[in-house]
Amino acid sequence: MTRIPPADRRAALVQAALRVIARDGVAAATTRRIVGEAGMSLASFHYVFSSRDELMAELVNVVVTSEQSDLEPALDAARAPIGLRATIRSGLQHYFDGVRAAPDREKAMFELTQWALREPGFAPLAQRQYDRYYELAARAARDAAELSGSVWNRSVEEIARLLVTLTDGVTIAWLVTRDDAAAERALDFAADTLAALADPAGGDDAAGSLLHEPNAGAR
């Protein structure tokens, strides 16, 4: 029998859990269901994970990293000064293309969030999930400002939370309706709204920095 490296076994179990949760919900994602989906034994599961809870935490990390990879190409490719609105819209499009390519991933994450909020003792998992989202959104906001030569007129933390709120709304609406045209219009609205919260770089207030962060001194 071919021996599967531990890292590959972990990855296969995470993907199996993702499929089970997207299809049947978190409550159905028992260790037996997950190993059955992965075509593995319970012994294989316990060889790489100490518990189902550890797997759930790993699932959050893997999916958020995957979502990050959906956004990065837009920011890496847009090195020309194309303006903040266009930079934001390009990043949102890459994000949405990732949602359309992996709807089960998004369904599973919404399901996991709701489960964690309901299940006693698991709220920190949902908090960890959104902390990662906010970190990613803050990075995207900084990159967008730098690429376009703009200055946010609110803190990057506030911009990041608005960005996550907008993308959550677009994502769940699309998962329900699968209406691409409506989602594209919502992305246009999000880009317009966020771009209105920044000013072109320049002037005394922007000297020395492309980002205006009112709370920077507190960090």
C-alpha atoms as a PDB file:
ATOM      1  CA  MET A   1       0.000   0.000   0.000  1.00  0.00           C
ATOM      2  CA  THR A   2       1.299   3.461  -0.909  1.00  0.00           C
ATOM      3  CA  ARG A   3       2.110   5.523   2.162  1.00  0.00           C
ATOM      4  CA  ILE A   4       0.562   9.001   2.050  1.00  0.00           C
ATOM      5  CA  PRO A   5       2.787  11.766   3.495  1.00  0.00           C
ATOM      6  CA  PRO A   6       1.227  13.394   6.599  1.00  0.00           C
ATOM      7  CA  ALA A   7       0.920  16.800   4.900  1.00  0.00           C
ATOM      8  CA  ASP A   8      -0.976  15.262   1.972  1.00  0.00           C
ATOM      9  CA  ARG A   9      -3.194  13.321   4.365  1.00  0.00           C
ATOM     10  CA  ARG A  10      -4.045  16.481   6.294  1.00  0.00           C
ATOM     11  CA  ALA A  11      -4.833  18.330   3.063  1.00  0.00           C
ATOM     12  CA  ALA A  12      -7.075  15.503   1.827  1.00  0.00           C
ATOM     13  CA  LEU A  13      -8.988  15.411   5.110  1.00  0.00           C
ATOM     14  CA  VAL A  14      -9.450  19.194   5.092  1.00  0.00           C
ATOM     15  CA  GLN A  15     -10.852  19.073   1.563  1.00  0.00           C
ATOM     16  CA  ALA A  16     -13.124  16.171   2.530  1.00  0.00           C
ATOM     17  CA  ALA A  17     -14.423  18.158   5.516  1.00  0.00           C
ATOM     18  CA  LEU A  18     -15.029  21.132   3.222  1.00  0.00           C
ATOM     19  CA  ARG A  19     -17.160  19.003   0.886  1.00  0.00           C
ATOM     20  CA  VAL A  20     -19.162  17.418   3.716  1.00  0.00           C
ATOM     21  CA  ILE A  21     -19.857  20.781   5.386  1.00  0.00           C
ATOM     22  CA  ALA A  22     -20.864  22.462   2.109  1.00  0.00           C
ATOM     23  CA  ARG A  23     -23.203  19.587   1.247  1.00  0.00           C
ATOM     24  CA  ASP A  24     -24.617  18.544   4.627  1.00  0.00           C
ATOM     25  CA  GLY A  25     -23.607  21.114   7.255  1.00  0.00           C
ATOM     26  CA  VAL A  26     -21.140  21.119  10.143  1.00  0.00           C
ATOM     27  CA  ALA A  27     -23.264  18.846  12.326  1.00  0.00           C
ATOM     28  CA  ALA A  28     -22.899  16.112   9.712  1.00  0.00           C
ATOM     29  CA  ALA A  29     -19.122  16.523   9.539  1.00  0.00           C
ATOM     30  CA  THR A  30     -18.246  13.807  12.034  1.00  0.00           C
ATOM     31  CA  THR A  31     -14.837  12.231  11.901  1.00  0.00           C
ATOM     32  CA  ARG A  32     -16.403   9.082  10.433  1.00  0.00           C
ATOM     33  CA  ARG A  33     -18.145  11.043   7.677  1.00  0.00           C
ATOM     34  CA  ILE A  34     -14.982  12.978   6.899  1.00  0.00           C
ATOM     35  CA  VAL A  35     -12.725   9.933   6.645  1.00  0.00           C
ATOM     36  CA  GLY A  36     -15.381   8.177   4.576  1.00  0.00           C
ATOM     37  CA  GLU A  37     -15.466  11.148   2.193  1.00  0.00           C
ATOM     38  CA  ALA A  38     -11.667  11.083   1.991  1.00  0.00           C
ATOM     39  CA  GLY A  39     -11.500   7.305   1.555  1.00  0.00           C
ATOM     40  CA  MET A  40      -9.369   6.927   4.673  1.00  0.00           C
ATOM     41  CA  SER A  41      -9.562   5.119   8.001  1.00  0.00           C
ATOM     42  CA  LEU A  42     -10.154   6.630  11.437  1.00  0.00           C
ATOM     43  CA  ALA A  43      -6.591   5.677  12.290  1.00  0.00           C
ATOM     44  CA  SER A  44      -5.423   7.854   9.395  1.00  0.00           C
ATOM     45  CA  PHE A  45      -7.396  10.773  10.796  1.00  0.00           C
ATOM     46  CA  HIS A  46      -5.931  10.466  14.297  1.00  0.00           C
ATOM     47  CA  TYR A  47      -2.455  10.117  12.865  1.00  0.00           C
ATOM     48  CA  VAL A  48      -2.516  13.705  11.601  1.00  0.00           C
ATOM     49  CA  PHE A  49      -5.207  15.447  13.714  1.00  0.00           C
ATOM     50  CA  SER A  50      -5.627  15.225  17.478  1.00  0.00           C
ATOM     51  CA  SER A  51      -9.321  16.092  17.232  1.00  0.00           C
ATOM     52  CA  ARG A  52     -12.115  17.241  14.965  1.00  0.00           C
ATOM     53  CA  ASP A  53     -11.717  20.708  16.487  1.00  0.00           C
ATOM     54  CA  GLU A  54      -8.131  20.865  15.265  1.00  0.00           C
ATOM     55  CA  LEU A  55      -9.299  19.966  11.780  1.00  0.00           C
ATOM     56  CA  MET A  56     -11.943  22.722  11.875  1.00  0.00           C
ATOM     57  CA  ALA A  57      -9.298  25.292  12.837  1.00  0.00           C
ATOM     58  CA  GLU A  58      -7.083  24.036  10.007  1.00  0.00           C
ATOM     59  CA  LEU A  59     -10.023  24.306   7.611  1.00  0.00           C
ATOM     60  CA  VAL A  60     -10.441  27.996   8.460  1.00  0.00           C
ATOM     61  CA  ASN A  61      -6.736  28.651   7.866  1.00  0.00           C
ATOM     62  CA  VAL A  62      -6.690  26.781   4.553  1.00  0.00           C
ATOM     63  CA  VAL A  63      -9.785  28.487   3.150  1.00  0.00           C
ATOM     64  CA  VAL A  64      -8.746  32.000   4.164  1.00  0.00           C
ATOM     65  CA  THR A  65      -5.338  31.402   2.565  1.00  0.00           C
ATOM     66  CA  SER A  66      -7.098  30.227  -0.586  1.00  0.00           C
ATOM     67  CA  GLU A  67      -9.256  33.361  -0.623  1.00  0.00           C
ATOM     68  CA  GLN A  68      -6.126  35.463  -0.182  1.00  0.00           C
ATOM     69  CA  SER A  69      -4.608  33.870  -3.277  1.00  0.00           C
ATOM     70  CA  ASP A  70      -7.718  34.919  -5.228  1.00  0.00           C
ATOM     71  CA  LEU A  71      -7.050  38.574  -4.444  1.00  0.00           C
ATOM     72  CA  GLU A  72      -3.264  38.751  -4.749  1.00  0.00           C
ATOM     73  CA  PRO A  73      -3.002  38.491  -8.581  1.00  0.00           C
ATOM     74  CA  ALA A  74      -5.054  41.641  -9.014  1.00  0.00           C
ATOM     75  CA  LEU A  75      -2.817  43.640  -6.723  1.00  0.00           C
ATOM     76  CA  ASP A  76       0.417  42.151  -8.029  1.00  0.00           C
ATOM     77  CA  ALA A  77      -0.538  42.756 -11.671  1.00  0.00           C
ATOM     78  CA  ALA A  78      -1.881  46.278 -11.235  1.00  0.00           C
ATOM     79  CA  ARG A  79       1.427  48.045 -10.735  1.00  0.00           C
ATOM     80  CA  ALA A  80       0.503  50.832 -13.153  1.00  0.00           C
ATOM     81  CA  PRO A  81      -1.205  53.862 -11.568  1.00  0.00           C
ATOM     82  CA  ILE A  82      -4.734  53.080 -12.808  1.00  0.00           C
ATOM     83  CA  GLY A  83      -6.561  54.907 -10.042  1.00  0.00           C
ATOM     84  CA  LEU A  84      -7.988  53.732  -6.728  1.00  0.00           C
ATOM     85  CA  ARG A  85     -11.478  52.895  -7.994  1.00  0.00           C
ATOM     86  CA  ALA A  86     -10.089  50.726 -10.797  1.00  0.00           C
ATOM     87  CA  THR A  87      -7.620  49.061  -8.430  1.00  0.00           C
ATOM     88  CA  ILE A  88     -10.381  48.226  -5.939  1.00  0.00           C
ATOM     89  CA  ARG A  89     -12.690  46.989  -8.690  1.00  0.00           C
ATOM     90  CA  SER A  90      -9.957  44.762 -10.106  1.00  0.00           C
ATOM     91  CA  GLY A  91      -9.309  43.233  -6.685  1.00  0.00           C
ATOM     92  CA  LEU A  92     -13.023  42.677  -6.085  1.00  0.00           C
ATOM     93  CA  GLN A  93     -13.356  40.998  -9.466  1.00  0.00           C
ATOM     94  CA  HIS A  94     -10.542  38.571  -8.680  1.00  0.00           C
ATOM     95  CA  TYR A  95     -12.191  37.811  -5.341  1.00  0.00           C
ATOM     96  CA  PHE A  96     -15.565  37.203  -6.971  1.00  0.00           C
ATOM     97  CA  ASP A  97     -14.029  35.039  -9.692  1.00  0.00           C
ATOM     98  CA  GLY A  98     -12.690  32.880  -6.873  1.00  0.00           C
ATOM     99  CA  VAL A  99     -16.146  32.671  -5.294  1.00  0.00           C
ATOM    100  CA  ARG A 100     -17.677  31.550  -8.590  1.00  0.00           C
ATOM    101  CA  ALA A 101     -14.918  28.993  -9.086  1.00  0.00           C
ATOM    102  CA  ALA A 102     -15.314  27.496  -5.591  1.00  0.00           C
ATOM    103  CA  PRO A 103     -18.873  28.034  -4.309  1.00  0.00           C
ATOM    104  CA  ASP A 104     -18.665  25.018  -1.989  1.00  0.00           C
ATOM    105  CA  ARG A 105     -15.727  26.639  -0.230  1.00  0.00           C
ATOM    106  CA  GLU A 106     -17.796  29.750   0.481  1.00  0.00           C
ATOM    107  CA  LYS A 107     -20.874  27.776   1.544  1.00  0.00           C
ATOM    108  CA  ALA A 108     -18.757  25.768   3.953  1.00  0.00           C
ATOM    109  CA  MET A 109     -17.232  28.868   5.515  1.00  0.00           C
ATOM    110  CA  PHE A 110     -20.585  30.556   6.107  1.00  0.00           C
ATOM    111  CA  GLU A 111     -21.863  27.295   7.589  1.00  0.00           C
ATOM    112  CA  LEU A 112     -18.792  26.977   9.804  1.00  0.00           C
ATOM    113  CA  THR A 113     -19.149  30.559  11.036  1.00  0.00           C
ATOM    114  CA  GLN A 114     -22.782  30.076  12.039  1.00  0.00           C
ATOM    115  CA  TRP A 115     -22.016  26.760  13.716  1.00  0.00           C
ATOM    116  CA  ALA A 116     -19.139  28.253  15.711  1.00  0.00           C
ATOM    117  CA  LEU A 117     -21.357  31.104  16.940  1.00  0.00           C
ATOM    118  CA  ARG A 118     -24.045  28.663  18.089  1.00  0.00           C
ATOM    119  CA  GLU A 119     -21.820  25.988  19.605  1.00  0.00           C
ATOM    120  CA  PRO A 120     -20.686  26.697  23.199  1.00  0.00           C
ATOM    121  CA  GLY A 121     -16.967  27.324  23.369  1.00  0.00           C
ATOM    122  CA  PHE A 122     -16.412  27.700  19.622  1.00  0.00           C
ATOM    123  CA  ALA A 123     -17.011  31.443  19.174  1.00  0.00           C
ATOM    124  CA  PRO A 124     -13.206  32.053  19.136  1.00  0.00           C
ATOM    125  CA  LEU A 125     -13.026  30.015  15.922  1.00  0.00           C
ATOM    126  CA  ALA A 126     -15.415  32.425  14.199  1.00  0.00           C
ATOM    127  CA  GLN A 127     -13.484  35.357  15.662  1.00  0.00           C
ATOM    128  CA  ARG A 128     -10.221  33.894  14.345  1.00  0.00           C
ATOM    129  CA  GLN A 129     -11.808  33.492  10.927  1.00  0.00           C
ATOM    130  CA  TYR A 130     -12.872  37.135  10.755  1.00  0.00           C
ATOM    131  CA  ASP A 131      -9.620  38.383  12.230  1.00  0.00           C
ATOM    132  CA  ARG A 132      -7.905  36.760   9.246  1.00  0.00           C
ATOM    133  CA  TYR A 133     -10.421  38.346   6.876  1.00  0.00           C
ATOM    134  CA  TYR A 134      -9.794  41.786   8.393  1.00  0.00           C
ATOM    135  CA  GLU A 135      -6.021  41.316   8.174  1.00  0.00           C
ATOM    136  CA  LEU A 136      -6.297  40.385   4.506  1.00  0.00           C
ATOM    137  CA  ALA A 137      -8.654  43.288   3.784  1.00  0.00           C
ATOM    138  CA  ALA A 138      -6.337  45.750   5.550  1.00  0.00           C
ATOM    139  CA  ARG A 139      -3.425  44.553   3.450  1.00  0.00           C
ATOM    140  CA  ALA A 140      -5.527  44.936   0.295  1.00  0.00           C
ATOM    141  CA  ALA A 141      -6.516  48.473   1.356  1.00  0.00           C
ATOM    142  CA  ARG A 142      -2.894  49.453   1.931  1.00  0.00           C
ATOM    143  CA  ASP A 143      -1.796  47.944  -1.377  1.00  0.00           C
ATOM    144  CA  ALA A 144      -4.625  49.638  -3.279  1.00  0.00           C
ATOM    145  CA  ALA A 145      -3.724  53.030  -1.811  1.00  0.00           C
ATOM    146  CA  GLU A 146      -0.049  52.553  -2.620  1.00  0.00           C
ATOM    147  CA  LEU A 147      -0.682  51.331  -6.159  1.00  0.00           C
ATOM    148  CA  SER A 148      -2.993  54.229  -6.959  1.00  0.00           C
ATOM    149  CA  GLY A 149      -1.174  56.944  -5.019  1.00  0.00           C
ATOM    150  CA  SER A 150      -4.166  57.644  -2.789  1.00  0.00           C
ATOM    151  CA  VAL A 151      -4.738  58.491   0.873  1.00  0.00           C
ATOM    152  CA  TRP A 152      -7.553  56.919   2.889  1.00  0.00           C
ATOM    153  CA  ASN A 153      -9.509  59.504   4.875  1.00  0.00           C
ATOM    154  CA  ARG A 154     -10.488  56.859   7.437  1.00  0.00           C
ATOM    155  CA  SER A 155      -8.352  54.347   9.278  1.00  0.00           C
ATOM    156  CA  VAL A 156      -7.258  51.278   7.324  1.00  0.00           C
ATOM    157  CA  GLU A 157      -8.935  49.147  10.001  1.00  0.00           C
ATOM    158  CA  GLU A 158     -12.297  50.792   9.275  1.00  0.00           C
ATOM    159  CA  ILE A 159     -11.821  50.440   5.512  1.00  0.00           C
ATOM    160  CA  ALA A 160     -10.988  46.757   6.022  1.00  0.00           C
ATOM    161  CA  ARG A 161     -14.165  46.117   7.988  1.00  0.00           C
ATOM    162  CA  LEU A 162     -16.268  47.854   5.348  1.00  0.00           C
ATOM    163  CA  LEU A 163     -14.586  45.781   2.636  1.00  0.00           C
ATOM    164  CA  VAL A 164     -15.331  42.521   4.468  1.00  0.00           C
ATOM    165  CA  THR A 165     -18.941  43.577   5.070  1.00  0.00           C
ATOM    166  CA  LEU A 166     -19.436  44.369   1.380  1.00  0.00           C
ATOM    167  CA  THR A 167     -17.811  41.177   0.106  1.00  0.00           C
ATOM    168  CA  ASP A 168     -19.775  39.055   2.588  1.00  0.00           C
ATOM    169  CA  GLY A 169     -23.012  40.561   1.271  1.00  0.00           C
ATOM    170  CA  VAL A 170     -22.093  40.038  -2.365  1.00  0.00           C
ATOM    171  CA  THR A 171     -20.980  36.468  -1.686  1.00  0.00           C
ATOM    172  CA  ILE A 172     -24.015  35.234   0.195  1.00  0.00           C
ATOM    173  CA  ALA A 173     -26.425  36.946  -2.220  1.00  0.00           C
ATOM    174  CA  TRP A 174     -24.703  35.271  -5.162  1.00  0.00           C
ATOM    175  CA  LEU A 175     -24.706  31.870  -3.444  1.00  0.00           C
ATOM    176  CA  VAL A 176     -28.493  32.176  -3.087  1.00  0.00           C
ATOM    177  CA  THR A 177     -29.354  33.644  -6.503  1.00  0.00           C
ATOM    178  CA  ARG A 178     -26.351  32.766  -8.736  1.00  0.00           C
ATOM    179  CA  ASP A 179     -27.110  36.069 -10.477  1.00  0.00           C
ATOM    180  CA  ASP A 180     -23.784  37.152 -11.977  1.00  0.00           C
ATOM    181  CA  ALA A 181     -25.118  40.445 -13.355  1.00  0.00           C
ATOM    182  CA  ALA A 182     -26.491  41.515  -9.967  1.00  0.00           C
ATOM    183  CA  ALA A 183     -23.198  40.599  -8.322  1.00  0.00           C
ATOM    184  CA  GLU A 184     -21.252  42.655 -10.860  1.00  0.00           C
ATOM    185  CA  ARG A 185     -23.461  45.673 -10.148  1.00  0.00           C
ATOM    186  CA  ALA A 186     -22.902  45.191  -6.421  1.00  0.00           C
ATOM    187  CA  LEU A 187     -19.143  45.074  -7.001  1.00  0.00           C
ATOM    188  CA  ASP A 188     -19.382  48.352  -8.939  1.00  0.00           C
ATOM    189  CA  PHE A 189     -21.241  49.869  -5.984  1.00  0.00           C
ATOM    190  CA  ALA A 190     -18.642  48.560  -3.537  1.00  0.00           C
ATOM    191  CA  ALA A 191     -15.776  49.981  -5.604  1.00  0.00           C
ATOM    192  CA  ASP A 192     -17.511  53.374  -5.911  1.00  0.00           C
ATOM    193  CA  THR A 193     -18.292  53.481  -2.181  1.00  0.00           C
ATOM    194  CA  LEU A 194     -14.801  52.569  -1.030  1.00  0.00           C
ATOM    195  CA  ALA A 195     -13.042  54.829  -3.526  1.00  0.00           C
ATOM    196  CA  ALA A 196     -15.095  57.762  -2.214  1.00  0.00           C
ATOM    197  CA  LEU A 197     -13.394  57.273   1.167  1.00  0.00           C
ATOM    198  CA  ALA A 198      -9.985  58.336  -0.135  1.00  0.00           C
ATOM    199  CA  ASP A 199      -8.268  61.374  -1.595  1.00  0.00           C
ATOM    200  CA  PRO A 200      -5.468  61.622  -4.172  1.00  0.00           C
ATOM    201  CA  ALA A 201      -2.002  61.622  -2.602  1.00  0.00           C
ATOM    202  CA  GLY A 202      -0.281  64.979  -2.228  1.00  0.00           C
ATOM    203  CA  GLY A 203      -0.408  68.042  -0.066  1.00  0.00           C
ATOM    204  CA  ASP A 204       0.917  68.575   3.445  1.00  0.00           C
ATOM    205  CA  ASP A 205      -1.481  66.135   5.098  1.00  0.00           C
ATOM    206  CA  ALA A 206      -0.199  63.262   2.974  1.00  0.00           C
ATOM    207  CA  ALA A 207       3.499  64.078   3.206  1.00  0.00           C
ATOM    208  CA  GLY A 208       5.671  61.085   3.927  1.00  0.00           C
ATOM    209  CA  SER A 209       2.889  58.507   3.640  1.00  0.00           C
ATOM    210  CA  LEU A 210       0.426  57.077   1.162  1.00  0.00           C
ATOM    211  CA  LEU A 211      -1.901  56.065   3.963  1.00  0.00           C
ATOM    212  CA  HIS A 212      -3.739  58.257   6.403  1.00  0.00           C
ATOM    213  CA  GLU A 213      -4.322  56.232   9.580  1.00  0.00           C
ATOM    214  CA  PRO A 214      -5.850  58.284  12.398  1.00  0.00           C
ATOM    215  CA  ASN A 215      -5.156  55.546  14.966  1.00  0.00           C
ATOM    216  CA  ALA A 216      -1.597  54.781  13.866  1.00  0.00           C
ATOM    217  CA  GLY A 217      -0.086  56.391  16.949  1.00  0.00           C
ATOM    218  CA  ALA A 218      -1.913  53.976  19.221  1.00  0.00           C
ATOM    219  CA  ARG A 219      -0.239  50.896  17.728  1.00  0.00           C
END
